[in-house]
């Protein structure tokens, strides 16, 4: 669930790191939430997907810092995702991604 603007994340469990291959799932089973920062011009919108088992993925929503939800990500910014499963992007191109997660 997205937090209100200015609400601090829990202590970091995974420090910020580059996410070069967005089609490879990020294992968030041990984390309550994750943030992904998109930097640069997005050429093709990113389609976030989640899975509970790491095999069967469904489209999911992303949330910005004020709690607005998005079915795809087309604008640079920082977006929040729920943890407790796996996260990947089935489509998208043109931005550099940085990710981090909290316990």
PDB file of N, CA and C in Angstrom:
ATOM      1  N   UNK A   1       0.850  -1.165   0.000  1.00  0.00           N
ATOM      2  CA  UNK A   1       0.000   0.000   0.000  1.00  0.00           C
ATOM      3  C   UNK A   1       0.898   1.231   0.000  1.00  0.00           C
ATOM      4  N   UNK A   2       0.641   2.204  -0.851  1.00  0.00           N
ATOM      5  CA  UNK A   2       1.502   3.382  -0.908  1.00  0.00           C
ATOM      6  C   UNK A   2       1.381   4.227   0.356  1.00  0.00           C
ATOM      7  N   UNK A   3       2.451   4.870   0.707  1.00  0.00           N
ATOM      8  CA  UNK A   3       2.490   5.728   1.884  1.00  0.00           C
ATOM      9  C   UNK A   3       2.265   7.181   1.461  1.00  0.00           C
ATOM     10  N   UNK A   4       1.744   8.015   2.349  1.00  0.00           N
ATOM     11  CA  UNK A   4       1.552   9.422   2.016  1.00  0.00           C
ATOM     12  C   UNK A   4       2.882  10.111   1.721  1.00  0.00           C
ATOM     13  N   UNK A   5       2.813  11.221   1.010  1.00  0.00           N
ATOM     14  CA  UNK A   5       4.015  11.987   0.668  1.00  0.00           C
ATOM     15  C   UNK A   5       4.801  12.317   1.931  1.00  0.00           C
ATOM     16  N   UNK A   6       6.112  12.174   1.852  1.00  0.00           N
ATOM     17  CA  UNK A   6       6.976  12.494   2.969  1.00  0.00           C
ATOM     18  C   UNK A   6       7.086  11.402   4.010  1.00  0.00           C
ATOM     19  N   UNK A   7       6.341  10.306   3.850  1.00  0.00           N
ATOM     20  CA  UNK A   7       6.371   9.202   4.798  1.00  0.00           C
ATOM     21  C   UNK A   7       7.633   8.392   4.546  1.00  0.00           C
ATOM     22  N   UNK A   8       8.494   8.235   5.554  1.00  0.00           N
ATOM     23  CA  UNK A   8       9.745   7.512   5.319  1.00  0.00           C
ATOM     24  C   UNK A   8       9.518   6.016   5.161  1.00  0.00           C
ATOM     25  N   UNK A   9      10.333   5.393   4.306  1.00  0.00           N
ATOM     26  CA  UNK A   9      10.302   3.942   4.172  1.00  0.00           C
ATOM     27  C   UNK A   9      10.893   3.342   5.443  1.00  0.00           C
ATOM     28  N   UNK A  10      10.590   2.076   5.680  1.00  0.00           N
ATOM     29  CA  UNK A  10      11.224   1.333   6.769  1.00  0.00           C
ATOM     30  C   UNK A  10      12.718   1.240   6.471  1.00  0.00           C
ATOM     31  N   UNK A  11      13.510   0.808   7.429  1.00  0.00           N
ATOM     32  CA  UNK A  11      14.943   0.689   7.169  1.00  0.00           C
ATOM     33  C   UNK A  11      15.209  -0.096   5.887  1.00  0.00           C
ATOM     34  N   UNK A  12      16.200   0.336   5.163  1.00  0.00           N
ATOM     35  CA  UNK A  12      16.504  -0.268   3.869  1.00  0.00           C
ATOM     36  C   UNK A  12      16.986  -1.692   4.056  1.00  0.00           C
ATOM     37  N   UNK A  13      16.439  -2.589   3.251  1.00  0.00           N
ATOM     38  CA  UNK A  13      16.866  -3.969   3.255  1.00  0.00           C
ATOM     39  C   UNK A  13      17.789  -4.236   2.078  1.00  0.00           C
ATOM     40  N   UNK A  14      17.546  -3.573   0.960  1.00  0.00           N
ATOM     41  CA  UNK A  14      18.407  -3.632  -0.216  1.00  0.00           C
ATOM     42  C   UNK A  14      18.728  -2.194  -0.577  1.00  0.00           C
ATOM     43  N   UNK A  15      19.991  -1.816  -0.487  1.00  0.00           N
ATOM     44  CA  UNK A  15      20.418  -0.455  -0.814  1.00  0.00           C
ATOM     45  C   UNK A  15      20.194  -0.199  -2.304  1.00  0.00           C
ATOM     46  N   UNK A  16      20.111   1.067  -2.712  1.00  0.00           N
ATOM     47  CA  UNK A  16      19.903   1.370  -4.130  1.00  0.00           C
ATOM     48  C   UNK A  16      20.928   0.663  -5.020  1.00  0.00           C
ATOM     49  N   UNK A  17      20.412   0.078  -6.101  1.00  0.00           N
ATOM     50  CA  UNK A  17      21.252  -0.622  -7.067  1.00  0.00           C
ATOM     51  C   UNK A  17      20.637  -0.505  -8.452  1.00  0.00           C
ATOM     52  N   UNK A  18      21.472  -0.548  -9.464  1.00  0.00           N
ATOM     53  CA  UNK A  18      21.016  -0.486 -10.839  1.00  0.00           C
ATOM     54  C   UNK A  18      20.219  -1.744 -11.178  1.00  0.00           C
ATOM     55  N   UNK A  19      19.171  -1.577 -11.978  1.00  0.00           N
ATOM     56  CA  UNK A  19      18.372  -2.719 -12.441  1.00  0.00           C
ATOM     57  C   UNK A  19      18.473  -2.749 -13.949  1.00  0.00           C
ATOM     58  N   UNK A  20      19.444  -3.484 -14.464  1.00  0.00           N
ATOM     59  CA  UNK A  20      19.746  -3.467 -15.889  1.00  0.00           C
ATOM     60  C   UNK A  20      18.822  -4.347 -16.724  1.00  0.00           C
ATOM     61  N   UNK A  21      18.465  -5.528 -16.254  1.00  0.00           N
ATOM     62  CA  UNK A  21      17.583  -6.420 -17.010  1.00  0.00           C
ATOM     63  C   UNK A  21      16.245  -6.494 -16.297  1.00  0.00           C
ATOM     64  N   UNK A  22      15.327  -5.641 -16.718  1.00  0.00           N
ATOM     65  CA  UNK A  22      14.024  -5.516 -16.042  1.00  0.00           C
ATOM     66  C   UNK A  22      13.129  -6.723 -16.255  1.00  0.00           C
ATOM     67  N   UNK A  23      13.457  -7.576 -17.238  1.00  0.00           N
ATOM     68  CA  UNK A  23      12.642  -8.764 -17.476  1.00  0.00           C
ATOM     69  C   UNK A  23      12.984  -9.891 -16.508  1.00  0.00           C
ATOM     70  N   UNK A  24      14.121  -9.771 -15.811  1.00  0.00           N
ATOM     71  CA  UNK A  24      14.489 -10.754 -14.790  1.00  0.00           C
ATOM     72  C   UNK A  24      13.815 -10.336 -13.483  1.00  0.00           C
ATOM     73  N   UNK A  25      13.039 -11.230 -12.932  1.00  0.00           N
ATOM     74  CA  UNK A  25      12.254 -10.918 -11.737  1.00  0.00           C
ATOM     75  C   UNK A  25      13.139 -10.582 -10.542  1.00  0.00           C
ATOM     76  N   UNK A  26      12.652  -9.630  -9.756  1.00  0.00           N
ATOM     77  CA  UNK A  26      13.296  -9.203  -8.525  1.00  0.00           C
ATOM     78  C   UNK A  26      12.577  -9.901  -7.384  1.00  0.00           C
ATOM     79  N   UNK A  27      13.290 -10.672  -6.602  1.00  0.00           N
ATOM     80  CA  UNK A  27      12.716 -11.433  -5.498  1.00  0.00           C
ATOM     81  C   UNK A  27      12.500 -10.509  -4.301  1.00  0.00           C
ATOM     82  N   UNK A  28      11.243 -10.220  -4.021  1.00  0.00           N
ATOM     83  CA  UNK A  28      10.874  -9.329  -2.907  1.00  0.00           C
ATOM     84  C   UNK A  28      10.112 -10.069  -1.813  1.00  0.00           C
ATOM     85  N   UNK A  29      10.264 -11.385  -1.762  1.00  0.00           N
ATOM     86  CA  UNK A  29       9.503 -12.173  -0.786  1.00  0.00           C
ATOM     87  C   UNK A  29       9.797 -11.785   0.650  1.00  0.00           C
ATOM     88  N   UNK A  30      11.000 -11.303   0.947  1.00  0.00           N
ATOM     89  CA  UNK A  30      11.371 -10.953   2.314  1.00  0.00           C
ATOM     90  C   UNK A  30      11.238  -9.462   2.614  1.00  0.00           C
ATOM     91  N   UNK A  31      10.595  -8.724   1.709  1.00  0.00           N
ATOM     92  CA  UNK A  31      10.505  -7.271   1.870  1.00  0.00           C
ATOM     93  C   UNK A  31       9.052  -6.813   1.764  1.00  0.00           C
ATOM     94  N   UNK A  32       8.720  -5.758   2.512  1.00  0.00           N
ATOM     95  CA  UNK A  32       7.340  -5.275   2.518  1.00  0.00           C
ATOM     96  C   UNK A  32       7.034  -4.356   1.341  1.00  0.00           C
ATOM     97  N   UNK A  33       8.045  -3.640   0.866  1.00  0.00           N
ATOM     98  CA  UNK A  33       7.816  -2.773  -0.286  1.00  0.00           C
ATOM     99  C   UNK A  33       9.129  -2.472  -0.990  1.00  0.00           C
ATOM    100  N   UNK A  34       8.985  -1.969  -2.199  1.00  0.00           N
ATOM    101  CA  UNK A  34      10.145  -1.621  -3.011  1.00  0.00           C
ATOM    102  C   UNK A  34       9.898  -0.310  -3.718  1.00  0.00           C
ATOM    103  N   UNK A  35      10.969   0.403  -4.007  1.00  0.00           N
ATOM    104  CA  UNK A  35      10.906   1.620  -4.805  1.00  0.00           C
ATOM    105  C   UNK A  35      11.750   1.408  -6.050  1.00  0.00           C
ATOM    106  N   UNK A  36      11.265   1.918  -7.181  1.00  0.00           N
ATOM    107  CA  UNK A  36      12.033   1.888  -8.412  1.00  0.00           C
ATOM    108  C   UNK A  36      12.042   3.296  -8.974  1.00  0.00           C
ATOM    109  N   UNK A  37      13.238   3.805  -9.242  1.00  0.00           N
ATOM    110  CA  UNK A  37      13.396   5.147  -9.811  1.00  0.00           C
ATOM    111  C   UNK A  37      13.690   5.008 -11.299  1.00  0.00           C
ATOM    112  N   UNK A  38      12.898   5.712 -12.112  1.00  0.00           N
ATOM    113  CA  UNK A  38      13.067   5.751 -13.557  1.00  0.00           C
ATOM    114  C   UNK A  38      13.685   7.098 -13.900  1.00  0.00           C
ATOM    115  N   UNK A  39      14.856   7.080 -14.554  1.00  0.00           N
ATOM    116  CA  UNK A  39      15.573   8.308 -14.888  1.00  0.00           C
ATOM    117  C   UNK A  39      15.752   8.376 -16.396  1.00  0.00           C
ATOM    118  N   UNK A  40      15.426   9.516 -16.974  1.00  0.00           N
ATOM    119  CA  UNK A  40      15.577   9.711 -18.413  1.00  0.00           C
ATOM    120  C   UNK A  40      14.238   9.607 -19.116  1.00  0.00           C
ATOM    121  N   UNK A  41      14.293   9.695 -20.421  1.00  0.00           N
ATOM    122  CA  UNK A  41      13.082   9.647 -21.237  1.00  0.00           C
ATOM    123  C   UNK A  41      12.650   8.203 -21.439  1.00  0.00           C
ATOM    124  N   UNK A  42      11.401   7.929 -21.148  1.00  0.00           N
ATOM    125  CA  UNK A  42      10.850   6.594 -21.341  1.00  0.00           C
ATOM    126  C   UNK A  42      10.306   6.532 -22.765  1.00  0.00           C
ATOM    127  N   UNK A  43      10.899   5.663 -23.582  1.00  0.00           N
ATOM    128  CA  UNK A  43      10.505   5.535 -24.986  1.00  0.00           C
ATOM    129  C   UNK A  43       9.266   4.663 -25.140  1.00  0.00           C
ATOM    130  N   UNK A  44       9.190   3.596 -24.378  1.00  0.00           N
ATOM    131  CA  UNK A  44       8.047   2.683 -24.380  1.00  0.00           C
ATOM    132  C   UNK A  44       7.623   2.504 -22.937  1.00  0.00           C
ATOM    133  N   UNK A  45       6.326   2.706 -22.609  1.00  0.00           N
ATOM    134  CA  UNK A  45       5.893   2.569 -21.219  1.00  0.00           C
ATOM    135  C   UNK A  45       6.254   1.211 -20.623  1.00  0.00           C
ATOM    136  N   UNK A  46       6.597   1.224 -19.341  1.00  0.00           N
ATOM    137  CA  UNK A  46       6.935   0.017 -18.606  1.00  0.00           C
ATOM    138  C   UNK A  46       5.667  -0.610 -18.039  1.00  0.00           C
ATOM    139  N   UNK A  47       5.524  -1.927 -18.211  1.00  0.00           N
ATOM    140  CA  UNK A  47       4.385  -2.670 -17.677  1.00  0.00           C
ATOM    141  C   UNK A  47       4.859  -3.506 -16.486  1.00  0.00           C
ATOM    142  N   UNK A  48       4.542  -3.055 -15.252  1.00  0.00           N
ATOM    143  CA  UNK A  48       4.956  -3.833 -14.087  1.00  0.00           C
ATOM    144  C   UNK A  48       4.107  -5.089 -13.932  1.00  0.00           C
ATOM    145  N   UNK A  49       4.751  -6.150 -13.456  1.00  0.00           N
ATOM    146  CA  UNK A  49       4.062  -7.405 -13.198  1.00  0.00           C
ATOM    147  C   UNK A  49       4.547  -7.992 -11.879  1.00  0.00           C
ATOM    148  N   UNK A  50       3.632  -8.648 -11.170  1.00  0.00           N
ATOM    149  CA  UNK A  50       3.956  -9.312  -9.900  1.00  0.00           C
ATOM    150  C   UNK A  50       3.592 -10.782  -9.978  1.00  0.00           C
ATOM    151  N   UNK A  51       4.251 -11.548  -9.120  1.00  0.00           N
ATOM    152  CA  UNK A  51       3.970 -12.968  -8.998  1.00  0.00           C
ATOM    153  C   UNK A  51       4.191 -13.377  -7.552  1.00  0.00           C
ATOM    154  N   UNK A  52       3.385 -14.300  -7.070  1.00  0.00           N
ATOM    155  CA  UNK A  52       3.599 -14.841  -5.732  1.00  0.00           C
ATOM    156  C   UNK A  52       4.518 -16.056  -5.772  1.00  0.00           C
ATOM    157  N   UNK A  53       4.551 -16.746  -6.919  1.00  0.00           N
ATOM    158  CA  UNK A  53       5.335 -17.977  -7.010  1.00  0.00           C
ATOM    159  C   UNK A  53       6.555 -17.880  -7.926  1.00  0.00           C
ATOM    160  N   UNK A  54       6.761 -16.742  -8.582  1.00  0.00           N
ATOM    161  CA  UNK A  54       7.900 -16.576  -9.469  1.00  0.00           C
ATOM    162  C   UNK A  54       7.707 -17.193 -10.837  1.00  0.00           C
ATOM    163  N   UNK A  55       6.517 -17.715 -11.102  1.00  0.00           N
ATOM    164  CA  UNK A  55       6.218 -18.356 -12.389  1.00  0.00           C
ATOM    165  C   UNK A  55       5.054 -17.687 -13.097  1.00  0.00           C
ATOM    166  N   UNK A  56       3.985 -17.454 -12.377  1.00  0.00           N
ATOM    167  CA  UNK A  56       2.756 -16.895 -12.954  1.00  0.00           C
ATOM    168  C   UNK A  56       2.665 -15.411 -12.622  1.00  0.00           C
ATOM    169  N   UNK A  57       2.785 -14.565 -13.643  1.00  0.00           N
ATOM    170  CA  UNK A  57       2.806 -13.115 -13.453  1.00  0.00           C
ATOM    171  C   UNK A  57       1.510 -12.482 -13.935  1.00  0.00           C
ATOM    172  N   UNK A  58       1.104 -11.440 -13.220  1.00  0.00           N
ATOM    173  CA  UNK A  58      -0.055 -10.636 -13.606  1.00  0.00           C
ATOM    174  C   UNK A  58       0.347  -9.167 -13.584  1.00  0.00           C
ATOM    175  N   UNK A  59      -0.295  -8.374 -14.403  1.00  0.00           N
ATOM    176  CA  UNK A  59      -0.028  -6.940 -14.394  1.00  0.00           C
ATOM    177  C   UNK A  59      -0.395  -6.374 -13.030  1.00  0.00           C
ATOM    178  N   UNK A  60       0.376  -5.398 -12.578  1.00  0.00           N
ATOM    179  CA  UNK A  60       0.105  -4.766 -11.290  1.00  0.00           C
ATOM    180  C   UNK A  60       0.212  -3.245 -11.440  1.00  0.00           C
ATOM    181  N   UNK A  61      -0.096  -2.559 -10.392  1.00  0.00           N
ATOM    182  CA  UNK A  61      -0.072  -1.103 -10.405  1.00  0.00           C
ATOM    183  C   UNK A  61       1.168  -0.597  -9.677  1.00  0.00           C
ATOM    184  N   UNK A  62       1.596   0.587 -10.081  1.00  0.00           N
ATOM    185  CA  UNK A  62       2.687   1.311  -9.428  1.00  0.00           C
ATOM    186  C   UNK A  62       2.081   2.539  -8.775  1.00  0.00           C
ATOM    187  N   UNK A  63       2.701   3.027  -7.713  1.00  0.00           N
ATOM    188  CA  UNK A  63       2.205   4.199  -6.995  1.00  0.00           C
ATOM    189  C   UNK A  63       3.305   5.241  -6.902  1.00  0.00           C
ATOM    190  N   UNK A  64       2.931   6.513  -7.099  1.00  0.00           N
ATOM    191  CA  UNK A  64       3.927   7.577  -6.931  1.00  0.00           C
ATOM    192  C   UNK A  64       3.918   8.058  -5.484  1.00  0.00           C
ATOM    193  N   UNK A  65       4.689   9.102  -5.197  1.00  0.00           N
ATOM    194  CA  UNK A  65       4.873   9.555  -3.813  1.00  0.00           C
ATOM    195  C   UNK A  65       3.611  10.125  -3.162  1.00  0.00           C
ATOM    196  N   UNK A  66       2.601  10.464  -3.947  1.00  0.00           N
ATOM    197  CA  UNK A  66       1.356  10.968  -3.363  1.00  0.00           C
ATOM    198  C   UNK A  66       0.238   9.936  -3.403  1.00  0.00           C
ATOM    199  N   UNK A  67       0.580   8.702  -3.834  1.00  0.00           N
ATOM    200  CA  UNK A  67      -0.394   7.623  -3.819  1.00  0.00           C
ATOM    201  C   UNK A  67      -1.198   7.440  -5.086  1.00  0.00           C
ATOM    202  N   UNK A  68      -0.899   8.210  -6.132  1.00  0.00           N
ATOM    203  CA  UNK A  68      -1.584   8.032  -7.408  1.00  0.00           C
ATOM    204  C   UNK A  68      -1.119   6.716  -8.023  1.00  0.00           C
ATOM    205  N   UNK A  69      -2.057   5.932  -8.536  1.00  0.00           N
ATOM    206  CA  UNK A  69      -1.689   4.634  -9.101  1.00  0.00           C
ATOM    207  C   UNK A  69      -1.622   4.697 -10.623  1.00  0.00           C
ATOM    208  N   UNK A  70      -0.758   3.842 -11.183  1.00  0.00           N
ATOM    209  CA  UNK A  70      -0.525   3.793 -12.628  1.00  0.00           C
ATOM    210  C   UNK A  70      -0.508   2.342 -13.077  1.00  0.00           C
ATOM    211  N   UNK A  71      -1.173   2.060 -14.194  1.00  0.00           N
ATOM    212  CA  UNK A  71      -1.132   0.705 -14.737  1.00  0.00           C
ATOM    213  C   UNK A  71       0.129   0.492 -15.565  1.00  0.00           C
ATOM    214  N   UNK A  72       0.672   1.554 -16.141  1.00  0.00           N
ATOM    215  CA  UNK A  72       1.968   1.518 -16.819  1.00  0.00           C
ATOM    216  C   UNK A  72       2.746   2.751 -16.394  1.00  0.00           C
ATOM    217  N   UNK A  73       4.054   2.705 -16.571  1.00  0.00           N
ATOM    218  CA  UNK A  73       4.902   3.827 -16.186  1.00  0.00           C
ATOM    219  C   UNK A  73       5.461   4.458 -17.451  1.00  0.00           C
ATOM    220  N   UNK A  74       5.090   5.713 -17.693  1.00  0.00           N
ATOM    221  CA  UNK A  74       5.488   6.405 -18.915  1.00  0.00           C
ATOM    222  C   UNK A  74       6.280   7.682 -18.643  1.00  0.00           C
ATOM    223  N   UNK A  75       6.421   8.054 -17.371  1.00  0.00           N
ATOM    224  CA  UNK A  75       7.094   9.294 -16.997  1.00  0.00           C
ATOM    225  C   UNK A  75       8.149   8.987 -15.935  1.00  0.00           C
ATOM    226  N   UNK A  76       9.308   9.607 -16.058  1.00  0.00           N
ATOM    227  CA  UNK A  76      10.378   9.418 -15.077  1.00  0.00           C
ATOM    228  C   UNK A  76       9.886   9.789 -13.682  1.00  0.00           C
ATOM    229  N   UNK A  77      10.394   9.112 -12.677  1.00  0.00           N
ATOM    230  CA  UNK A  77      10.023   9.385 -11.297  1.00  0.00           C
ATOM    231  C   UNK A  77      10.322   8.185 -10.420  1.00  0.00           C
ATOM    232  N   UNK A  78       9.886   8.261  -9.173  1.00  0.00           N
ATOM    233  CA  UNK A  78      10.057   7.171  -8.223  1.00  0.00           C
ATOM    234  C   UNK A  78       8.683   6.572  -7.966  1.00  0.00           C
ATOM    235  N   UNK A  79       8.610   5.239  -8.086  1.00  0.00           N
ATOM    236  CA  UNK A  79       7.357   4.520  -7.928  1.00  0.00           C
ATOM    237  C   UNK A  79       7.518   3.444  -6.861  1.00  0.00           C
ATOM    238  N   UNK A  80       6.436   3.178  -6.123  1.00  0.00           N
ATOM    239  CA  UNK A  80       6.435   2.217  -5.029  1.00  0.00           C
ATOM    240  C   UNK A  80       5.630   0.990  -5.451  1.00  0.00           C
ATOM    241  N   UNK A  81       6.137  -0.184  -5.036  1.00  0.00           N
ATOM    242  CA  UNK A  81       5.477  -1.452  -5.301  1.00  0.00           C
ATOM    243  C   UNK A  81       5.418  -2.241  -4.006  1.00  0.00           C
ATOM    244  N   UNK A  82       4.373  -3.052  -3.853  1.00  0.00           N
ATOM    245  CA  UNK A  82       4.289  -3.946  -2.701  1.00  0.00           C
ATOM    246  C   UNK A  82       5.324  -5.046  -2.836  1.00  0.00           C
ATOM    247  N   UNK A  83       5.844  -5.496  -1.712  1.00  0.00           N
ATOM    248  CA  UNK A  83       6.763  -6.625  -1.694  1.00  0.00           C
ATOM    249  C   UNK A  83       5.984  -7.918  -1.508  1.00  0.00           C
ATOM    250  N   UNK A  84       6.648  -8.909  -0.942  1.00  0.00           N
ATOM    251  CA  UNK A  84       5.975 -10.164  -0.660  1.00  0.00           C
ATOM    252  C   UNK A  84       5.814 -11.077  -1.859  1.00  0.00           C
ATOM    253  N   UNK A  85       6.571 -10.878  -2.904  1.00  0.00           N
ATOM    254  CA  UNK A  85       6.493 -11.720  -4.094  1.00  0.00           C
ATOM    255  C   UNK A  85       7.639 -11.386  -5.020  1.00  0.00           C
ATOM    256  N   UNK A  86       7.373 -11.427  -6.309  1.00  0.00           N
ATOM    257  CA  UNK A  86       8.370 -11.115  -7.325  1.00  0.00           C
ATOM    258  C   UNK A  86       7.859  -9.952  -8.172  1.00  0.00           C
ATOM    259  N   UNK A  87       8.777  -9.113  -8.650  1.00  0.00           N
ATOM    260  CA  UNK A  87       8.427  -7.967  -9.490  1.00  0.00           C
ATOM    261  C   UNK A  87       9.308  -7.977 -10.729  1.00  0.00           C
ATOM    262  N   UNK A  88       8.706  -7.696 -11.881  1.00  0.00           N
ATOM    263  CA  UNK A  88       9.455  -7.535 -13.118  1.00  0.00           C
ATOM    264  C   UNK A  88       8.647  -6.626 -14.042  1.00  0.00           C
ATOM    265  N   UNK A  89       9.202  -6.333 -15.199  1.00  0.00           N
ATOM    266  CA  UNK A  89       8.516  -5.524 -16.203  1.00  0.00           C
ATOM    267  C   UNK A  89       8.458  -6.327 -17.494  1.00  0.00           C
ATOM    268  N   UNK A  90       7.251  -6.493 -18.045  1.00  0.00           N
ATOM    269  CA  UNK A  90       7.100  -7.283 -19.257  1.00  0.00           C
ATOM    270  C   UNK A  90       7.370  -6.460 -20.512  1.00  0.00           C
ATOM    271  N   UNK A  91       7.390  -5.157 -20.382  1.00  0.00           N
ATOM    272  CA  UNK A  91       7.666  -4.260 -21.508  1.00  0.00           C
ATOM    273  C   UNK A  91       8.268  -2.980 -20.951  1.00  0.00           C
ATOM    274  N   UNK A  92       8.831  -2.177 -21.840  1.00  0.00           N
ATOM    275  CA  UNK A  92       9.378  -0.891 -21.439  1.00  0.00           C
ATOM    276  C   UNK A  92      10.789  -0.701 -21.946  1.00  0.00           C
ATOM    277  N   UNK A  93      11.098   0.542 -22.278  1.00  0.00           N
ATOM    278  CA  UNK A  93      12.443   0.859 -22.773  1.00  0.00           C
ATOM    279  C   UNK A  93      12.712   2.343 -22.623  1.00  0.00           C
ATOM    280  N   UNK A  94      13.982   2.677 -22.519  1.00  0.00           N
ATOM    281  CA  UNK A  94      14.405   4.057 -22.621  1.00  0.00           C
ATOM    282  C   UNK A  94      14.804   4.764 -21.341  1.00  0.00           C
ATOM    283  N   UNK A  95      14.697   4.143 -20.208  1.00  0.00           N
ATOM    284  CA  UNK A  95      15.071   4.807 -18.959  1.00  0.00           C
ATOM    285  C   UNK A  95      16.077   3.947 -18.216  1.00  0.00           C
ATOM    286  N   UNK A  96      16.846   4.595 -17.343  1.00  0.00           N
ATOM    287  CA  UNK A  96      17.726   3.868 -16.433  1.00  0.00           C
ATOM    288  C   UNK A  96      16.925   3.616 -15.163  1.00  0.00           C
ATOM    289  N   UNK A  97      17.000   2.404 -14.613  1.00  0.00           N
ATOM    290  CA  UNK A  97      16.244   2.067 -13.411  1.00  0.00           C
ATOM    291  C   UNK A  97      17.181   1.807 -12.247  1.00  0.00           C
ATOM    292  N   UNK A  98      16.783   2.339 -11.084  1.00  0.00           N
ATOM    293  CA  UNK A  98      17.469   2.076  -9.827  1.00  0.00           C
ATOM    294  C   UNK A  98      16.414   1.537  -8.883  1.00  0.00           C
ATOM    295  N   UNK A  99      16.757   0.511  -8.122  1.00  0.00           N
ATOM    296  CA  UNK A  99      15.779  -0.112  -7.228  1.00  0.00           C
ATOM    297  C   UNK A  99      16.326  -0.195  -5.808  1.00  0.00           C
ATOM    298  N   UNK A 100      15.406  -0.260  -4.827  1.00  0.00           N
ATOM    299  CA  UNK A 100      15.764  -0.529  -3.441  1.00  0.00           C
ATOM    300  C   UNK A 100      14.532  -1.111  -2.753  1.00  0.00           C
ATOM    301  N   UNK A 101      14.747  -1.818  -1.665  1.00  0.00           N
ATOM    302  CA  UNK A 101      13.638  -2.450  -0.958  1.00  0.00           C
ATOM    303  C   UNK A 101      13.811  -2.258   0.541  1.00  0.00           C
ATOM    304  N   UNK A 102      12.680  -2.343   1.256  1.00  0.00           N
ATOM    305  CA  UNK A 102      12.711  -2.209   2.703  1.00  0.00           C
ATOM    306  C   UNK A 102      12.017  -3.400   3.348  1.00  0.00           C
ATOM    307  N   UNK A 103      12.507  -3.721   4.534  1.00  0.00           N
ATOM    308  CA  UNK A 103      11.977  -4.884   5.265  1.00  0.00           C
ATOM    309  C   UNK A 103      10.643  -4.571   5.895  1.00  0.00           C
TER     310      UNK A 103
END
